[in-house]
Amino acid sequence: MANSSPTPFTRRRLSAYAVAAAYLAIASPAPPVLWIGLSVVAAGEALRLWATGHLVKNEALTRSGPYAHVRHPLYLGTLLIVVGFALSGSSLELPGALVPAALLPIALAVFFGHYLPRKTRAEAERLKLRHGRDADDWLRAVPALVPRVRPARLGPAGRFAPRRVLANSEHLTLAAVAAGAAFLVARSKGWIP
């Protein structure tokens, strides 16, 4: 089972919250871009929920559910959430309201240029040490971020377990994403200045 201890408030996590707060302060959501962006956000969170329902940290090599299609479904889900929020907080109608979307290339450069390469390299090394040939086979068969259409069949079929979603603290991410989406909808309706 996954580590059930609460996720600590690390410097990286606090930085992410600060960026999210700054984003919400400058967001100028307006339909239809709001709804397109929130659809992308929902797809990203759905992928993260599916992934965390299969993820068994430190006990087994997870190769079921989305992990049979893509090695990093949590990173891909997060990427979709970031892109979706950047879109949904931008407006094509208001002058200067494209700022959230304009910041997206910076976020993507940091993600693809620094964060993802470092994390995927360290994770691959850790998996190879822990799971040997099984990890090598999985790393060769499953792409990093662009999902394969047909799942790789490399081990026993795991089942989605809602308790894993909680054990992996995804309910906290879901709550934060829902709160951000609700804020943008409320601002687009004029309920929040």
N, C-alpha and C. Protein backbone atom coordinates (compact mmCIF):
# COMPACT_ATOMS: atom_id res chain seq x y z
N MET A 1 0.83 -1.18 0.00
CA MET A 1 0.00 0.00 0.00
C MET A 1 0.88 1.24 0.00
N ALA A 2 0.36 2.30 -0.49
CA ALA A 2 1.11 3.55 -0.58
C ALA A 2 1.35 4.12 0.80
N ASN A 3 2.31 4.99 0.86
CA ASN A 3 2.62 5.69 2.09
C ASN A 3 1.40 6.51 2.49
N SER A 4 0.87 6.26 3.68
CA SER A 4 -0.36 6.94 4.07
C SER A 4 -0.11 8.18 4.92
N SER A 5 1.14 8.55 5.11
CA SER A 5 1.41 9.76 5.88
C SER A 5 1.04 10.99 5.05
N PRO A 6 0.61 12.05 5.72
CA PRO A 6 0.22 13.24 4.97
C PRO A 6 1.39 13.82 4.19
N THR A 7 1.07 14.43 3.08
CA THR A 7 2.10 15.05 2.25
C THR A 7 2.65 16.27 2.98
N PRO A 8 3.97 16.33 3.17
CA PRO A 8 4.54 17.47 3.90
C PRO A 8 4.49 18.75 3.06
N PHE A 9 4.48 19.87 3.74
CA PHE A 9 4.52 21.16 3.05
C PHE A 9 5.97 21.49 2.77
N THR A 10 6.46 20.99 1.66
CA THR A 10 7.83 21.23 1.26
C THR A 10 7.95 22.61 0.63
N ARG A 11 9.17 23.06 0.45
CA ARG A 11 9.42 24.34 -0.21
C ARG A 11 8.83 24.35 -1.62
N ARG A 12 8.99 23.22 -2.33
CA ARG A 12 8.46 23.12 -3.69
C ARG A 12 6.94 23.24 -3.67
N ARG A 13 6.28 22.56 -2.74
CA ARG A 13 4.82 22.61 -2.65
C ARG A 13 4.35 24.02 -2.29
N LEU A 14 5.02 24.64 -1.34
CA LEU A 14 4.65 26.01 -0.96
C LEU A 14 4.86 26.98 -2.12
N SER A 15 5.92 26.76 -2.90
CA SER A 15 6.15 27.59 -4.10
C SER A 15 5.01 27.42 -5.10
N ALA A 16 4.56 26.18 -5.27
CA ALA A 16 3.46 25.92 -6.20
C ALA A 16 2.19 26.62 -5.73
N TYR A 17 1.93 26.61 -4.42
CA TYR A 17 0.76 27.30 -3.89
C TYR A 17 0.87 28.81 -4.10
N ALA A 18 2.06 29.34 -3.93
CA ALA A 18 2.26 30.78 -4.13
C ALA A 18 2.02 31.16 -5.60
N VAL A 19 2.52 30.33 -6.52
CA VAL A 19 2.29 30.59 -7.95
C VAL A 19 0.80 30.49 -8.27
N ALA A 20 0.13 29.50 -7.69
CA ALA A 20 -1.31 29.34 -7.93
C ALA A 20 -2.08 30.55 -7.42
N ALA A 21 -1.72 31.06 -6.25
CA ALA A 21 -2.39 32.25 -5.69
C ALA A 21 -2.15 33.46 -6.59
N ALA A 22 -0.92 33.63 -7.07
CA ALA A 22 -0.63 34.75 -7.97
C ALA A 22 -1.42 34.62 -9.27
N TYR A 23 -1.50 33.41 -9.77
CA TYR A 23 -2.27 33.16 -10.99
C TYR A 23 -3.74 33.55 -10.78
N LEU A 24 -4.33 33.10 -9.68
CA LEU A 24 -5.74 33.41 -9.42
C LEU A 24 -5.96 34.92 -9.28
N ALA A 25 -4.96 35.63 -8.76
CA ALA A 25 -5.08 37.08 -8.60
C ALA A 25 -5.14 37.79 -9.95
N ILE A 26 -4.45 37.26 -10.97
CA ILE A 26 -4.43 37.92 -12.28
C ILE A 26 -5.39 37.31 -13.29
N ALA A 27 -6.03 36.21 -12.93
CA ALA A 27 -6.90 35.51 -13.88
C ALA A 27 -8.09 36.38 -14.27
N SER A 28 -8.42 36.34 -15.56
CA SER A 28 -9.59 37.06 -16.11
C SER A 28 -10.42 36.09 -16.93
N PRO A 29 -11.07 35.14 -16.27
CA PRO A 29 -11.78 34.10 -17.01
C PRO A 29 -13.05 34.61 -17.70
N ALA A 30 -13.29 34.09 -18.88
CA ALA A 30 -14.52 34.41 -19.61
C ALA A 30 -14.83 33.27 -20.56
N PRO A 31 -16.11 32.93 -20.70
CA PRO A 31 -16.48 31.90 -21.67
C PRO A 31 -16.13 32.37 -23.07
N PRO A 32 -15.87 31.53 -24.02
CA PRO A 32 -15.84 30.08 -23.95
C PRO A 32 -14.49 29.51 -23.53
N VAL A 33 -13.46 30.37 -23.47
CA VAL A 33 -12.11 29.90 -23.13
C VAL A 33 -12.09 29.27 -21.73
N LEU A 34 -12.86 29.84 -20.81
CA LEU A 34 -12.96 29.28 -19.46
C LEU A 34 -13.37 27.82 -19.51
N TRP A 35 -14.41 27.51 -20.25
CA TRP A 35 -14.95 26.15 -20.28
C TRP A 35 -14.03 25.19 -21.02
N ILE A 36 -13.36 25.67 -22.05
CA ILE A 36 -12.38 24.83 -22.75
C ILE A 36 -11.24 24.49 -21.78
N GLY A 37 -10.72 25.50 -21.11
CA GLY A 37 -9.64 25.27 -20.16
C GLY A 37 -10.04 24.36 -19.02
N LEU A 38 -11.24 24.57 -18.46
CA LEU A 38 -11.68 23.72 -17.36
C LEU A 38 -11.92 22.28 -17.81
N SER A 39 -12.25 22.07 -19.07
CA SER A 39 -12.36 20.71 -19.60
C SER A 39 -11.00 20.02 -19.61
N VAL A 40 -9.97 20.76 -19.96
CA VAL A 40 -8.61 20.22 -19.94
C VAL A 40 -8.19 19.93 -18.50
N VAL A 41 -8.53 20.84 -17.59
CA VAL A 41 -8.24 20.64 -16.16
C VAL A 41 -8.92 19.36 -15.67
N ALA A 42 -10.18 19.18 -16.02
CA ALA A 42 -10.92 17.99 -15.59
C ALA A 42 -10.29 16.72 -16.13
N ALA A 43 -9.85 16.75 -17.38
CA ALA A 43 -9.19 15.57 -17.96
C ALA A 43 -7.90 15.26 -17.21
N GLY A 44 -7.14 16.29 -16.87
CA GLY A 44 -5.90 16.09 -16.13
C GLY A 44 -6.15 15.52 -14.75
N GLU A 45 -7.15 16.03 -14.04
CA GLU A 45 -7.45 15.51 -12.70
C GLU A 45 -8.02 14.10 -12.78
N ALA A 46 -8.83 13.81 -13.80
CA ALA A 46 -9.35 12.45 -13.97
C ALA A 46 -8.20 11.46 -14.17
N LEU A 47 -7.21 11.84 -14.97
CA LEU A 47 -6.05 10.99 -15.18
C LEU A 47 -5.29 10.77 -13.87
N ARG A 48 -5.12 11.83 -13.10
CA ARG A 48 -4.42 11.71 -11.81
C ARG A 48 -5.21 10.80 -10.85
N LEU A 49 -6.52 10.93 -10.81
CA LEU A 49 -7.32 10.05 -9.95
C LEU A 49 -7.19 8.59 -10.36
N TRP A 50 -7.26 8.34 -11.66
CA TRP A 50 -7.11 6.98 -12.18
C TRP A 50 -5.74 6.42 -11.80
N ALA A 51 -4.71 7.24 -11.97
CA ALA A 51 -3.35 6.80 -11.67
C ALA A 51 -3.16 6.51 -10.19
N THR A 52 -3.62 7.41 -9.33
CA THR A 52 -3.40 7.19 -7.89
C THR A 52 -4.23 6.02 -7.37
N GLY A 53 -5.29 5.67 -8.06
CA GLY A 53 -6.07 4.49 -7.68
C GLY A 53 -5.38 3.19 -8.02
N HIS A 54 -4.32 3.26 -8.84
CA HIS A 54 -3.52 2.08 -9.18
C HIS A 54 -2.16 2.09 -8.51
N LEU A 55 -1.68 3.26 -8.14
CA LEU A 55 -0.31 3.42 -7.65
C LEU A 55 -0.11 2.79 -6.27
N VAL A 56 0.87 1.90 -6.20
CA VAL A 56 1.27 1.28 -4.94
C VAL A 56 2.74 1.63 -4.74
N LYS A 57 2.98 2.73 -4.06
CA LYS A 57 4.34 3.23 -3.89
C LYS A 57 5.18 2.27 -3.07
N ASN A 58 6.40 2.05 -3.51
CA ASN A 58 7.45 1.33 -2.79
C ASN A 58 7.16 -0.14 -2.52
N GLU A 59 6.03 -0.67 -2.93
CA GLU A 59 5.74 -2.08 -2.69
C GLU A 59 5.78 -2.91 -3.95
N ALA A 60 5.37 -2.32 -5.06
CA ALA A 60 5.30 -3.06 -6.31
C ALA A 60 5.52 -2.09 -7.46
N LEU A 61 5.91 -2.64 -8.59
CA LEU A 61 6.03 -1.84 -9.81
C LEU A 61 4.62 -1.73 -10.40
N THR A 62 4.06 -0.55 -10.40
CA THR A 62 2.70 -0.36 -10.89
C THR A 62 2.73 -0.33 -12.42
N ARG A 63 2.05 -1.30 -13.01
CA ARG A 63 2.01 -1.42 -14.47
C ARG A 63 0.59 -1.54 -14.98
N SER A 64 -0.39 -1.25 -14.14
CA SER A 64 -1.79 -1.38 -14.53
C SER A 64 -2.42 -0.01 -14.67
N GLY A 65 -3.67 -0.01 -15.15
CA GLY A 65 -4.37 1.26 -15.35
C GLY A 65 -3.61 2.15 -16.31
N PRO A 66 -3.47 3.42 -15.98
CA PRO A 66 -2.77 4.32 -16.90
C PRO A 66 -1.28 4.00 -17.03
N TYR A 67 -0.72 3.30 -16.04
CA TYR A 67 0.70 2.94 -16.08
C TYR A 67 1.00 1.90 -17.15
N ALA A 68 -0.02 1.30 -17.73
CA ALA A 68 0.17 0.40 -18.87
C ALA A 68 0.20 1.19 -20.18
N HIS A 69 -0.15 2.47 -20.12
CA HIS A 69 -0.19 3.32 -21.31
C HIS A 69 0.92 4.37 -21.31
N VAL A 70 1.25 4.88 -20.13
CA VAL A 70 2.22 5.97 -20.02
C VAL A 70 2.94 5.83 -18.68
N ARG A 71 4.25 6.07 -18.67
CA ARG A 71 5.04 5.91 -17.45
C ARG A 71 4.73 6.96 -16.39
N HIS A 72 4.37 8.14 -16.82
CA HIS A 72 4.21 9.25 -15.88
C HIS A 72 2.81 9.87 -15.97
N PRO A 73 1.77 9.10 -15.65
CA PRO A 73 0.43 9.66 -15.75
C PRO A 73 0.18 10.80 -14.76
N LEU A 74 0.86 10.79 -13.63
CA LEU A 74 0.69 11.90 -12.69
C LEU A 74 1.29 13.19 -13.24
N TYR A 75 2.46 13.09 -13.86
CA TYR A 75 3.07 14.28 -14.47
C TYR A 75 2.22 14.76 -15.64
N LEU A 76 1.73 13.81 -16.45
CA LEU A 76 0.89 14.18 -17.59
C LEU A 76 -0.39 14.84 -17.11
N GLY A 77 -1.00 14.28 -16.07
CA GLY A 77 -2.21 14.88 -15.50
C GLY A 77 -1.95 16.28 -14.99
N THR A 78 -0.84 16.46 -14.29
CA THR A 78 -0.48 17.78 -13.78
C THR A 78 -0.24 18.75 -14.93
N LEU A 79 0.42 18.30 -15.96
CA LEU A 79 0.66 19.14 -17.13
C LEU A 79 -0.67 19.59 -17.75
N LEU A 80 -1.62 18.67 -17.87
CA LEU A 80 -2.94 19.04 -18.39
C LEU A 80 -3.64 20.05 -17.49
N ILE A 81 -3.51 19.87 -16.19
CA ILE A 81 -4.13 20.81 -15.24
C ILE A 81 -3.52 22.20 -15.40
N VAL A 82 -2.20 22.28 -15.49
CA VAL A 82 -1.53 23.58 -15.64
C VAL A 82 -1.95 24.26 -16.94
N VAL A 83 -1.93 23.52 -18.04
CA VAL A 83 -2.32 24.08 -19.33
C VAL A 83 -3.79 24.51 -19.28
N GLY A 84 -4.64 23.68 -18.70
CA GLY A 84 -6.06 24.00 -18.62
C GLY A 84 -6.32 25.26 -17.80
N PHE A 85 -5.63 25.39 -16.66
CA PHE A 85 -5.82 26.59 -15.85
C PHE A 85 -5.26 27.83 -16.57
N ALA A 86 -4.16 27.68 -17.28
CA ALA A 86 -3.62 28.82 -18.03
C ALA A 86 -4.63 29.31 -19.06
N LEU A 87 -5.27 28.36 -19.73
CA LEU A 87 -6.29 28.74 -20.71
C LEU A 87 -7.52 29.32 -20.03
N SER A 88 -8.01 28.65 -19.00
CA SER A 88 -9.28 29.06 -18.40
C SER A 88 -9.20 30.40 -17.69
N GLY A 89 -8.02 30.81 -17.29
CA GLY A 89 -7.87 32.10 -16.64
C GLY A 89 -7.60 33.23 -17.59
N SER A 90 -7.60 32.93 -18.88
CA SER A 90 -7.33 33.94 -19.91
C SER A 90 -8.63 34.28 -20.62
N SER A 91 -8.70 35.48 -21.10
CA SER A 91 -9.88 35.92 -21.82
C SER A 91 -9.45 36.52 -23.15
N LEU A 92 -10.20 36.22 -24.17
CA LEU A 92 -9.93 36.82 -25.48
C LEU A 92 -10.63 38.16 -25.61
N GLU A 93 -11.48 38.48 -24.62
CA GLU A 93 -12.30 39.68 -24.72
C GLU A 93 -11.71 40.90 -24.02
N LEU A 94 -10.93 40.69 -22.97
CA LEU A 94 -10.45 41.80 -22.16
C LEU A 94 -9.01 42.16 -22.51
N PRO A 95 -8.68 43.45 -22.62
CA PRO A 95 -7.29 43.83 -22.91
C PRO A 95 -6.38 43.38 -21.77
N GLY A 96 -5.26 42.78 -22.11
CA GLY A 96 -4.30 42.33 -21.12
C GLY A 96 -4.69 41.06 -20.40
N ALA A 97 -5.81 40.46 -20.79
CA ALA A 97 -6.30 39.28 -20.07
C ALA A 97 -5.71 37.98 -20.59
N LEU A 98 -4.74 38.07 -21.48
CA LEU A 98 -4.06 36.86 -21.94
C LEU A 98 -2.82 36.55 -21.11
N VAL A 99 -2.57 37.33 -20.05
CA VAL A 99 -1.37 37.16 -19.24
C VAL A 99 -1.23 35.73 -18.70
N PRO A 100 -2.28 35.10 -18.14
CA PRO A 100 -2.08 33.73 -17.65
C PRO A 100 -1.60 32.78 -18.75
N ALA A 101 -2.16 32.87 -19.93
CA ALA A 101 -1.72 32.01 -21.02
C ALA A 101 -0.33 32.39 -21.51
N ALA A 102 0.01 33.66 -21.43
CA ALA A 102 1.33 34.11 -21.86
C ALA A 102 2.44 33.58 -20.96
N LEU A 103 2.11 33.29 -19.70
CA LEU A 103 3.10 32.74 -18.77
C LEU A 103 3.31 31.24 -18.97
N LEU A 104 2.43 30.59 -19.72
CA LEU A 104 2.51 29.16 -19.93
C LEU A 104 3.84 28.71 -20.56
N PRO A 105 4.37 29.40 -21.57
CA PRO A 105 5.66 28.94 -22.12
C PRO A 105 6.78 28.89 -21.08
N ILE A 106 6.76 29.81 -20.13
CA ILE A 106 7.78 29.79 -19.07
C ILE A 106 7.61 28.54 -18.21
N ALA A 107 6.37 28.27 -17.82
CA ALA A 107 6.09 27.08 -17.01
C ALA A 107 6.46 25.81 -17.75
N LEU A 108 6.16 25.74 -19.03
CA LEU A 108 6.49 24.56 -19.83
C LEU A 108 8.00 24.40 -19.99
N ALA A 109 8.71 25.51 -20.15
CA ALA A 109 10.17 25.44 -20.27
C ALA A 109 10.79 24.89 -18.99
N VAL A 110 10.30 25.34 -17.85
CA VAL A 110 10.82 24.83 -16.57
C VAL A 110 10.47 23.35 -16.43
N PHE A 111 9.24 22.98 -16.77
CA PHE A 111 8.79 21.60 -16.63
C PHE A 111 9.61 20.66 -17.52
N PHE A 112 9.70 20.98 -18.82
CA PHE A 112 10.38 20.09 -19.75
C PHE A 112 11.90 20.24 -19.73
N GLY A 113 12.39 21.41 -19.38
CA GLY A 113 13.83 21.65 -19.40
C GLY A 113 14.55 21.27 -18.13
N HIS A 114 13.85 21.32 -17.01
CA HIS A 114 14.51 21.05 -15.73
C HIS A 114 13.83 19.94 -14.93
N TYR A 115 12.58 20.14 -14.59
CA TYR A 115 11.90 19.25 -13.65
C TYR A 115 11.75 17.82 -14.20
N LEU A 116 11.12 17.66 -15.36
CA LEU A 116 10.85 16.34 -15.90
C LEU A 116 12.11 15.52 -16.16
N PRO A 117 13.13 16.06 -16.82
CA PRO A 117 14.33 15.23 -17.05
C PRO A 117 14.99 14.75 -15.74
N ARG A 118 15.06 15.63 -14.77
CA ARG A 118 15.69 15.27 -13.50
C ARG A 118 14.87 14.20 -12.77
N LYS A 119 13.57 14.40 -12.69
CA LYS A 119 12.70 13.45 -11.98
C LYS A 119 12.63 12.10 -12.68
N THR A 120 12.50 12.09 -14.01
CA THR A 120 12.37 10.81 -14.71
C THR A 120 13.66 10.01 -14.64
N ARG A 121 14.79 10.67 -14.69
CA ARG A 121 16.08 9.97 -14.59
C ARG A 121 16.22 9.33 -13.21
N ALA A 122 15.95 10.09 -12.17
CA ALA A 122 16.06 9.56 -10.81
C ALA A 122 15.06 8.44 -10.57
N GLU A 123 13.85 8.61 -11.08
CA GLU A 123 12.82 7.58 -10.88
C GLU A 123 13.18 6.30 -11.61
N ALA A 124 13.68 6.40 -12.84
CA ALA A 124 14.07 5.21 -13.60
C ALA A 124 15.19 4.44 -12.88
N GLU A 125 16.17 5.17 -12.36
CA GLU A 125 17.26 4.52 -11.63
C GLU A 125 16.74 3.81 -10.38
N ARG A 126 15.85 4.46 -9.66
CA ARG A 126 15.28 3.87 -8.44
C ARG A 126 14.46 2.62 -8.77
N LEU A 127 13.66 2.68 -9.83
CA LEU A 127 12.86 1.53 -10.22
C LEU A 127 13.73 0.35 -10.66
N LYS A 128 14.79 0.63 -11.40
CA LYS A 128 15.69 -0.44 -11.85
C LYS A 128 16.36 -1.11 -10.66
N LEU A 129 16.78 -0.32 -9.68
CA LEU A 129 17.40 -0.89 -8.49
C LEU A 129 16.41 -1.75 -7.71
N ARG A 130 15.21 -1.30 -7.60
CA ARG A 130 14.21 -1.99 -6.79
C ARG A 130 13.57 -3.17 -7.51
N HIS A 131 13.33 -3.04 -8.83
CA HIS A 131 12.54 -4.05 -9.54
C HIS A 131 13.28 -4.73 -10.69
N GLY A 132 14.52 -4.39 -10.92
CA GLY A 132 15.36 -5.08 -11.89
C GLY A 132 14.79 -5.17 -13.29
N ARG A 133 14.76 -6.42 -13.81
CA ARG A 133 14.35 -6.66 -15.19
C ARG A 133 12.90 -6.22 -15.46
N ASP A 134 12.01 -6.39 -14.48
CA ASP A 134 10.63 -5.96 -14.66
C ASP A 134 10.58 -4.46 -14.98
N ALA A 135 11.37 -3.68 -14.26
CA ALA A 135 11.41 -2.24 -14.51
C ALA A 135 12.01 -1.95 -15.88
N ASP A 136 13.09 -2.65 -16.24
CA ASP A 136 13.69 -2.46 -17.57
C ASP A 136 12.67 -2.72 -18.67
N ASP A 137 11.95 -3.82 -18.56
CA ASP A 137 10.94 -4.17 -19.57
C ASP A 137 9.86 -3.09 -19.65
N TRP A 138 9.39 -2.64 -18.50
CA TRP A 138 8.34 -1.62 -18.47
C TRP A 138 8.84 -0.29 -19.04
N LEU A 139 10.06 0.10 -18.66
CA LEU A 139 10.63 1.36 -19.16
C LEU A 139 10.80 1.33 -20.67
N ARG A 140 11.13 0.17 -21.24
CA ARG A 140 11.27 0.05 -22.69
C ARG A 140 9.92 0.04 -23.41
N ALA A 141 8.92 -0.57 -22.80
CA ALA A 141 7.63 -0.77 -23.48
C ALA A 141 6.66 0.40 -23.36
N VAL A 142 6.79 1.20 -22.31
CA VAL A 142 5.81 2.24 -22.04
C VAL A 142 6.45 3.62 -22.21
N PRO A 143 5.87 4.46 -23.06
CA PRO A 143 6.43 5.80 -23.28
C PRO A 143 6.28 6.71 -22.06
N ALA A 144 7.14 7.69 -21.99
CA ALA A 144 7.18 8.57 -20.81
C ALA A 144 5.93 9.45 -20.68
N LEU A 145 5.57 10.21 -21.72
CA LEU A 145 4.47 11.17 -21.59
C LEU A 145 3.39 11.07 -22.66
N VAL A 146 3.70 10.50 -23.79
CA VAL A 146 2.70 10.36 -24.86
C VAL A 146 2.16 8.94 -24.76
N PRO A 147 0.93 8.78 -24.30
CA PRO A 147 0.41 7.43 -24.03
C PRO A 147 0.32 6.54 -25.26
N ARG A 148 0.59 5.28 -25.05
CA ARG A 148 0.35 4.29 -26.10
C ARG A 148 -1.14 3.98 -26.12
N VAL A 149 -1.67 3.65 -27.29
CA VAL A 149 -3.10 3.39 -27.41
C VAL A 149 -3.47 2.08 -26.73
N ARG A 150 -2.74 1.04 -27.05
CA ARG A 150 -2.99 -0.27 -26.43
C ARG A 150 -2.12 -0.41 -25.20
N PRO A 151 -2.68 -0.92 -24.12
CA PRO A 151 -1.88 -1.07 -22.90
C PRO A 151 -0.79 -2.12 -23.05
N ALA A 152 0.34 -1.86 -22.44
CA ALA A 152 1.42 -2.85 -22.39
C ALA A 152 1.01 -3.92 -21.39
N ARG A 153 1.15 -5.16 -21.76
CA ARG A 153 0.79 -6.28 -20.88
C ARG A 153 2.08 -6.87 -20.33
N LEU A 154 2.52 -6.33 -19.21
CA LEU A 154 3.81 -6.73 -18.66
C LEU A 154 3.73 -7.35 -17.27
N GLY A 155 2.57 -7.57 -16.80
CA GLY A 155 2.43 -8.13 -15.46
C GLY A 155 0.98 -8.35 -15.13
N PRO A 156 0.73 -8.73 -13.92
CA PRO A 156 -0.66 -8.97 -13.53
C PRO A 156 -1.48 -7.68 -13.62
N ALA A 157 -2.73 -7.85 -14.04
CA ALA A 157 -3.61 -6.70 -14.16
C ALA A 157 -4.03 -6.24 -12.77
N GLY A 158 -3.64 -5.05 -12.42
CA GLY A 158 -4.04 -4.49 -11.14
C GLY A 158 -5.42 -3.88 -11.25
N ARG A 159 -6.01 -3.65 -10.12
CA ARG A 159 -7.36 -3.06 -10.08
C ARG A 159 -7.30 -1.70 -9.42
N PHE A 160 -8.18 -0.84 -9.88
CA PHE A 160 -8.34 0.47 -9.27
C PHE A 160 -8.89 0.28 -7.85
N ALA A 161 -8.32 0.99 -6.89
CA ALA A 161 -8.78 0.92 -5.51
C ALA A 161 -8.93 2.33 -4.95
N PRO A 162 -10.15 2.75 -4.63
CA PRO A 162 -10.35 4.09 -4.09
C PRO A 162 -9.49 4.39 -2.86
N ARG A 163 -9.21 3.39 -2.04
CA ARG A 163 -8.38 3.62 -0.84
C ARG A 163 -6.98 4.10 -1.22
N ARG A 164 -6.51 3.70 -2.40
CA ARG A 164 -5.19 4.17 -2.85
C ARG A 164 -5.23 5.65 -3.21
N VAL A 165 -6.34 6.12 -3.73
CA VAL A 165 -6.49 7.55 -4.04
C VAL A 165 -6.27 8.34 -2.75
N LEU A 166 -6.87 7.88 -1.68
CA LEU A 166 -6.71 8.55 -0.38
C LEU A 166 -5.29 8.36 0.16
N ALA A 167 -4.76 7.15 0.06
CA ALA A 167 -3.42 6.87 0.57
C ALA A 167 -2.36 7.69 -0.17
N ASN A 168 -2.61 7.97 -1.44
CA ASN A 168 -1.68 8.78 -2.23
C ASN A 168 -1.99 10.27 -2.17
N SER A 169 -2.90 10.65 -1.28
CA SER A 169 -3.27 12.05 -1.02
C SER A 169 -3.83 12.79 -2.22
N GLU A 170 -4.38 12.07 -3.18
CA GLU A 170 -4.93 12.75 -4.36
C GLU A 170 -6.20 13.52 -4.03
N HIS A 171 -6.88 13.15 -2.97
CA HIS A 171 -8.08 13.90 -2.59
C HIS A 171 -7.73 15.36 -2.27
N LEU A 172 -6.51 15.61 -1.81
CA LEU A 172 -6.08 16.98 -1.54
C LEU A 172 -5.88 17.75 -2.85
N THR A 173 -5.28 17.09 -3.84
CA THR A 173 -5.11 17.71 -5.14
C THR A 173 -6.48 17.98 -5.78
N LEU A 174 -7.38 17.01 -5.67
CA LEU A 174 -8.72 17.18 -6.21
C LEU A 174 -9.41 18.39 -5.57
N ALA A 175 -9.28 18.53 -4.26
CA ALA A 175 -9.90 19.66 -3.56
C ALA A 175 -9.30 20.98 -4.03
N ALA A 176 -7.98 21.04 -4.21
CA ALA A 176 -7.33 22.27 -4.67
C ALA A 176 -7.76 22.61 -6.10
N VAL A 177 -7.82 21.61 -6.96
CA VAL A 177 -8.24 21.84 -8.35
C VAL A 177 -9.69 22.30 -8.39
N ALA A 178 -10.55 21.66 -7.61
CA ALA A 178 -11.96 22.06 -7.57
C ALA A 178 -12.12 23.48 -7.04
N ALA A 179 -11.35 23.83 -6.02
CA ALA A 179 -11.43 25.20 -5.48
C ALA A 179 -10.96 26.22 -6.51
N GLY A 180 -9.88 25.92 -7.23
CA GLY A 180 -9.40 26.83 -8.27
C GLY A 180 -10.42 26.99 -9.38
N ALA A 181 -11.04 25.89 -9.79
CA ALA A 181 -12.06 25.95 -10.84
C ALA A 181 -13.27 26.75 -10.36
N ALA A 182 -13.70 26.51 -9.12
CA ALA A 182 -14.85 27.24 -8.58
C ALA A 182 -14.55 28.74 -8.50
N PHE A 183 -13.34 29.09 -8.12
CA PHE A 183 -12.94 30.50 -8.06
C PHE A 183 -13.04 31.14 -9.44
N LEU A 184 -12.52 30.45 -10.46
CA LEU A 184 -12.57 31.01 -11.82
C LEU A 184 -14.00 31.17 -12.31
N VAL A 185 -14.85 30.19 -12.04
CA VAL A 185 -16.25 30.30 -12.45
C VAL A 185 -16.91 31.47 -11.73
N ALA A 186 -16.67 31.59 -10.42
CA ALA A 186 -17.25 32.70 -9.65
C ALA A 186 -16.76 34.04 -10.16
N ARG A 187 -15.48 34.14 -10.50
CA ARG A 187 -14.96 35.40 -11.03
C ARG A 187 -15.57 35.69 -12.39
N SER A 188 -15.73 34.68 -13.23
CA SER A 188 -16.32 34.91 -14.56
C SER A 188 -17.76 35.40 -14.46
N LYS A 189 -18.46 35.02 -13.39
CA LYS A 189 -19.86 35.45 -13.17
C LYS A 189 -19.91 36.81 -12.48
N GLY A 190 -18.77 37.34 -12.07
CA GLY A 190 -18.73 38.62 -11.39
C GLY A 190 -19.00 38.53 -9.90
N TRP A 191 -19.03 37.33 -9.34
CA TRP A 191 -19.28 37.15 -7.91
C TRP A 191 -18.05 37.46 -7.09
N ILE A 192 -16.87 37.39 -7.73
CA ILE A 192 -15.60 37.70 -7.07
C ILE A 192 -14.89 38.72 -7.96
N PRO A 193 -14.46 39.84 -7.39
CA PRO A 193 -13.79 40.86 -8.22
C PRO A 193 -12.43 40.39 -8.72
